[in-house]
């Protein structure tokens, strides 16, 4: 069940200068709130983030910082969360003839003292990929 779908703004490290601050689209799904009778899920909190503009820092460049802020802001246990970055298909070139296909990447973090560090990205594979696409539809 979708419990949050909005623009998330994060503060950077620069104090008043707001260095490394930005915005992204944040969707949070809580699979525990589904009434499908399926078996229990180890990581029922699904967090999907995606870039919203070229002017803002990318979610990839600030993944650990954003994940830390999201878990604190929404009281999410990081050990029960799956962090996914979504990149929609992009067209480019004259008359947009070239296409970069959409991408879903799962990000694994090392959690140290409540902070997400050492992110590791890998492509999201089936059948989980199809499950996430259905959630987002």
C-alpha atoms as a PDB file:
ATOM      1  CA  UNK A   1       0.000   0.000   0.000  1.00  0.00           C
ATOM      2  CA  UNK A   2       1.291   3.444  -0.927  1.00  0.00           C
ATOM      3  CA  UNK A   3       1.694   5.519   2.231  1.00  0.00           C
ATOM      4  CA  UNK A   4       3.657   8.489   0.839  1.00  0.00           C
ATOM      5  CA  UNK A   5       4.056  10.007  -2.634  1.00  0.00           C
ATOM      6  CA  UNK A   6       5.459  13.519  -2.702  1.00  0.00           C
ATOM      7  CA  UNK A   7       8.531  15.641  -3.287  1.00  0.00           C
ATOM      8  CA  UNK A   8      11.151  15.130  -0.594  1.00  0.00           C
ATOM      9  CA  UNK A   9      13.580  17.946   0.149  1.00  0.00           C
ATOM     10  CA  UNK A  10      16.826  17.213   1.921  1.00  0.00           C
ATOM     11  CA  UNK A  11      19.172  19.628   3.608  1.00  0.00           C
ATOM     12  CA  UNK A  12      22.786  19.459   2.662  1.00  0.00           C
ATOM     13  CA  UNK A  13      25.887  19.836   4.760  1.00  0.00           C
ATOM     14  CA  UNK A  14      26.570  23.502   4.105  1.00  0.00           C
ATOM     15  CA  UNK A  15      24.430  25.141   6.782  1.00  0.00           C
ATOM     16  CA  UNK A  16      23.165  28.461   5.431  1.00  0.00           C
ATOM     17  CA  UNK A  17      24.921  27.815   2.122  1.00  0.00           C
ATOM     18  CA  UNK A  18      22.766  24.686   1.654  1.00  0.00           C
ATOM     19  CA  UNK A  19      25.558  22.797  -0.111  1.00  0.00           C
ATOM     20  CA  UNK A  20      24.448  19.397  -1.417  1.00  0.00           C
ATOM     21  CA  UNK A  21      20.780  20.058  -0.710  1.00  0.00           C
ATOM     22  CA  UNK A  22      18.198  18.910  -3.194  1.00  0.00           C
ATOM     23  CA  UNK A  23      14.818  17.452  -4.032  1.00  0.00           C
ATOM     24  CA  UNK A  24      13.561  14.120  -5.322  1.00  0.00           C
ATOM     25  CA  UNK A  25      10.319  12.222  -5.758  1.00  0.00           C
ATOM     26  CA  UNK A  26       9.789   9.902  -2.820  1.00  0.00           C
ATOM     27  CA  UNK A  27       7.328   7.013  -2.756  1.00  0.00           C
ATOM     28  CA  UNK A  28       7.000   4.778   0.292  1.00  0.00           C
ATOM     29  CA  UNK A  29       5.061   1.512   0.221  1.00  0.00           C
ATOM     30  CA  UNK A  30       4.207  -0.539   3.305  1.00  0.00           C
ATOM     31  CA  UNK A  31       3.569  -4.140   2.289  1.00  0.00           C
ATOM     32  CA  UNK A  32       2.339  -4.970   5.803  1.00  0.00           C
ATOM     33  CA  UNK A  33      -0.808  -2.967   5.078  1.00  0.00           C
ATOM     34  CA  UNK A  34      -1.826  -5.166   2.159  1.00  0.00           C
ATOM     35  CA  UNK A  35      -4.589  -7.661   2.840  1.00  0.00           C
ATOM     36  CA  UNK A  36      -3.582 -10.296   0.319  1.00  0.00           C
ATOM     37  CA  UNK A  37      -2.944 -13.174   2.715  1.00  0.00           C
ATOM     38  CA  UNK A  38       0.569 -13.605   1.367  1.00  0.00           C
ATOM     39  CA  UNK A  39       3.463 -14.711   3.503  1.00  0.00           C
ATOM     40  CA  UNK A  40       5.416 -12.244   5.642  1.00  0.00           C
ATOM     41  CA  UNK A  41       8.044 -10.124   3.894  1.00  0.00           C
ATOM     42  CA  UNK A  42      11.484  -9.583   5.437  1.00  0.00           C
ATOM     43  CA  UNK A  43      11.697  -5.987   4.193  1.00  0.00           C
ATOM     44  CA  UNK A  44       8.116  -4.711   3.957  1.00  0.00           C
ATOM     45  CA  UNK A  45       9.023  -1.030   3.641  1.00  0.00           C
ATOM     46  CA  UNK A  46       9.739  -0.240  -0.009  1.00  0.00           C
ATOM     47  CA  UNK A  47      11.225   3.201  -0.668  1.00  0.00           C
ATOM     48  CA  UNK A  48      11.433   4.354  -4.288  1.00  0.00           C
ATOM     49  CA  UNK A  49      13.299   7.570  -5.067  1.00  0.00           C
ATOM     50  CA  UNK A  50      13.776   9.299  -8.405  1.00  0.00           C
ATOM     51  CA  UNK A  51      15.265  12.519  -9.709  1.00  0.00           C
ATOM     52  CA  UNK A  52      12.824  15.305 -10.508  1.00  0.00           C
ATOM     53  CA  UNK A  53      15.003  17.872 -12.237  1.00  0.00           C
ATOM     54  CA  UNK A  54      18.397  18.368 -13.784  1.00  0.00           C
ATOM     55  CA  UNK A  55      19.031  21.398 -11.525  1.00  0.00           C
ATOM     56  CA  UNK A  56      18.978  19.367  -8.309  1.00  0.00           C
ATOM     57  CA  UNK A  57      21.670  16.951  -7.183  1.00  0.00           C
ATOM     58  CA  UNK A  58      20.967  13.405  -8.305  1.00  0.00           C
ATOM     59  CA  UNK A  59      19.645  10.883  -5.819  1.00  0.00           C
ATOM     60  CA  UNK A  60      22.580   8.668  -6.723  1.00  0.00           C
ATOM     61  CA  UNK A  61      25.135  11.282  -5.656  1.00  0.00           C
ATOM     62  CA  UNK A  62      23.476  11.708  -2.235  1.00  0.00           C
ATOM     63  CA  UNK A  63      21.993   8.232  -1.729  1.00  0.00           C
ATOM     64  CA  UNK A  64      23.347   7.635   1.774  1.00  0.00           C
ATOM     65  CA  UNK A  65      22.416  11.091   3.014  1.00  0.00           C
ATOM     66  CA  UNK A  66      18.878  10.863   1.571  1.00  0.00           C
ATOM     67  CA  UNK A  67      18.348   7.346   2.962  1.00  0.00           C
ATOM     68  CA  UNK A  68      19.443   8.525   6.409  1.00  0.00           C
ATOM     69  CA  UNK A  69      17.080  11.514   6.270  1.00  0.00           C
ATOM     70  CA  UNK A  70      14.135   9.413   5.028  1.00  0.00           C
ATOM     71  CA  UNK A  71      14.511   6.735   7.706  1.00  0.00           C
ATOM     72  CA  UNK A  72      14.630   9.396  10.405  1.00  0.00           C
ATOM     73  CA  UNK A  73      11.797  11.528   8.993  1.00  0.00           C
ATOM     74  CA  UNK A  74       9.420   8.589   8.475  1.00  0.00           C
ATOM     75  CA  UNK A  75      10.581   6.412  11.417  1.00  0.00           C
ATOM     76  CA  UNK A  76      11.576   3.503   9.189  1.00  0.00           C
ATOM     77  CA  UNK A  77      13.739   0.684  10.526  1.00  0.00           C
ATOM     78  CA  UNK A  78      16.579   0.422   7.950  1.00  0.00           C
ATOM     79  CA  UNK A  79      16.814  -3.361   8.433  1.00  0.00           C
ATOM     80  CA  UNK A  80      13.175  -3.646   7.271  1.00  0.00           C
ATOM     81  CA  UNK A  81      13.536  -1.300   4.277  1.00  0.00           C
ATOM     82  CA  UNK A  82      14.296  -1.888   0.606  1.00  0.00           C
ATOM     83  CA  UNK A  83      15.784   1.204  -1.106  1.00  0.00           C
ATOM     84  CA  UNK A  84      15.174   1.467  -4.856  1.00  0.00           C
ATOM     85  CA  UNK A  85      16.257   4.177  -7.279  1.00  0.00           C
ATOM     86  CA  UNK A  86      14.076   4.592 -10.356  1.00  0.00           C
ATOM     87  CA  UNK A  87      15.328   6.269 -13.523  1.00  0.00           C
ATOM     88  CA  UNK A  88      12.612   6.754 -16.197  1.00  0.00           C
ATOM     89  CA  UNK A  89      13.353   6.240 -19.879  1.00  0.00           C
ATOM     90  CA  UNK A  90      15.101   9.199 -21.491  1.00  0.00           C
ATOM     91  CA  UNK A  91      15.064  10.222 -25.121  1.00  0.00           C
ATOM     92  CA  UNK A  92      17.823  12.287 -26.691  1.00  0.00           C
ATOM     93  CA  UNK A  93      19.340  13.300 -29.984  1.00  0.00           C
ATOM     94  CA  UNK A  94      17.833  14.990 -32.996  1.00  0.00           C
ATOM     95  CA  UNK A  95      14.092  14.237 -32.976  1.00  0.00           C
ATOM     96  CA  UNK A  96      14.636  12.094 -29.836  1.00  0.00           C
ATOM     97  CA  UNK A  97      15.611   9.021 -31.853  1.00  0.00           C
ATOM     98  CA  UNK A  98      17.848   7.571 -29.141  1.00  0.00           C
ATOM     99  CA  UNK A  99      16.412   6.088 -25.974  1.00  0.00           C
ATOM    100  CA  UNK A 100      18.000   5.194 -22.655  1.00  0.00           C
ATOM    101  CA  UNK A 101      15.607   2.603 -21.201  1.00  0.00           C
ATOM    102  CA  UNK A 102      14.115   2.948 -17.738  1.00  0.00           C
ATOM    103  CA  UNK A 103      16.178   1.525 -14.902  1.00  0.00           C
ATOM    104  CA  UNK A 104      15.427   0.238 -11.425  1.00  0.00           C
ATOM    105  CA  UNK A 105      18.355  -0.223  -9.077  1.00  0.00           C
ATOM    106  CA  UNK A 106      18.290  -1.616  -5.587  1.00  0.00           C
ATOM    107  CA  UNK A 107      20.740   0.036  -3.208  1.00  0.00           C
ATOM    108  CA  UNK A 108      22.257  -1.768  -0.231  1.00  0.00           C
ATOM    109  CA  UNK A 109      23.764   0.332   2.536  1.00  0.00           C
ATOM    110  CA  UNK A 110      25.945  -0.360   5.529  1.00  0.00           C
ATOM    111  CA  UNK A 111      24.216   1.249   8.518  1.00  0.00           C
ATOM    112  CA  UNK A 112      26.522   2.748  11.123  1.00  0.00           C
ATOM    113  CA  UNK A 113      25.186   4.699  14.093  1.00  0.00           C
ATOM    114  CA  UNK A 114      21.898   5.400  12.283  1.00  0.00           C
ATOM    115  CA  UNK A 115      23.565   6.580   9.080  1.00  0.00           C
ATOM    116  CA  UNK A 116      23.568   4.976   5.647  1.00  0.00           C
ATOM    117  CA  UNK A 117      27.104   4.602   4.306  1.00  0.00           C
ATOM    118  CA  UNK A 118      28.886   2.641   1.574  1.00  0.00           C
ATOM    119  CA  UNK A 119      26.001   2.348  -0.924  1.00  0.00           C
ATOM    120  CA  UNK A 120      26.149  -0.542  -3.406  1.00  0.00           C
ATOM    121  CA  UNK A 121      23.934  -0.431  -6.492  1.00  0.00           C
ATOM    122  CA  UNK A 122      22.724  -3.394  -8.500  1.00  0.00           C
ATOM    123  CA  UNK A 123      19.979  -3.801 -11.105  1.00  0.00           C
ATOM    124  CA  UNK A 124      16.623  -4.921  -9.760  1.00  0.00           C
ATOM    125  CA  UNK A 125      15.786  -8.328 -11.230  1.00  0.00           C
ATOM    126  CA  UNK A 126      12.654 -10.392 -11.744  1.00  0.00           C
ATOM    127  CA  UNK A 127      10.362 -11.275 -10.013  1.00  0.00           C
ATOM    128  CA  UNK A 128      10.938  -8.317  -7.668  1.00  0.00           C
ATOM    129  CA  UNK A 129      11.191  -5.919 -10.622  1.00  0.00           C
ATOM    130  CA  UNK A 130       7.674  -6.827 -11.759  1.00  0.00           C
ATOM    131  CA  UNK A 131       6.355  -6.470  -8.193  1.00  0.00           C
ATOM    132  CA  UNK A 132       7.805  -2.935  -7.895  1.00  0.00           C
ATOM    133  CA  UNK A 133       6.442  -1.927 -11.315  1.00  0.00           C
ATOM    134  CA  UNK A 134       2.985  -3.129 -10.238  1.00  0.00           C
ATOM    135  CA  UNK A 135       3.220  -1.150  -7.004  1.00  0.00           C
ATOM    136  CA  UNK A 136       4.154   2.002  -8.900  1.00  0.00           C
ATOM    137  CA  UNK A 137       1.409   1.601 -11.554  1.00  0.00           C
END
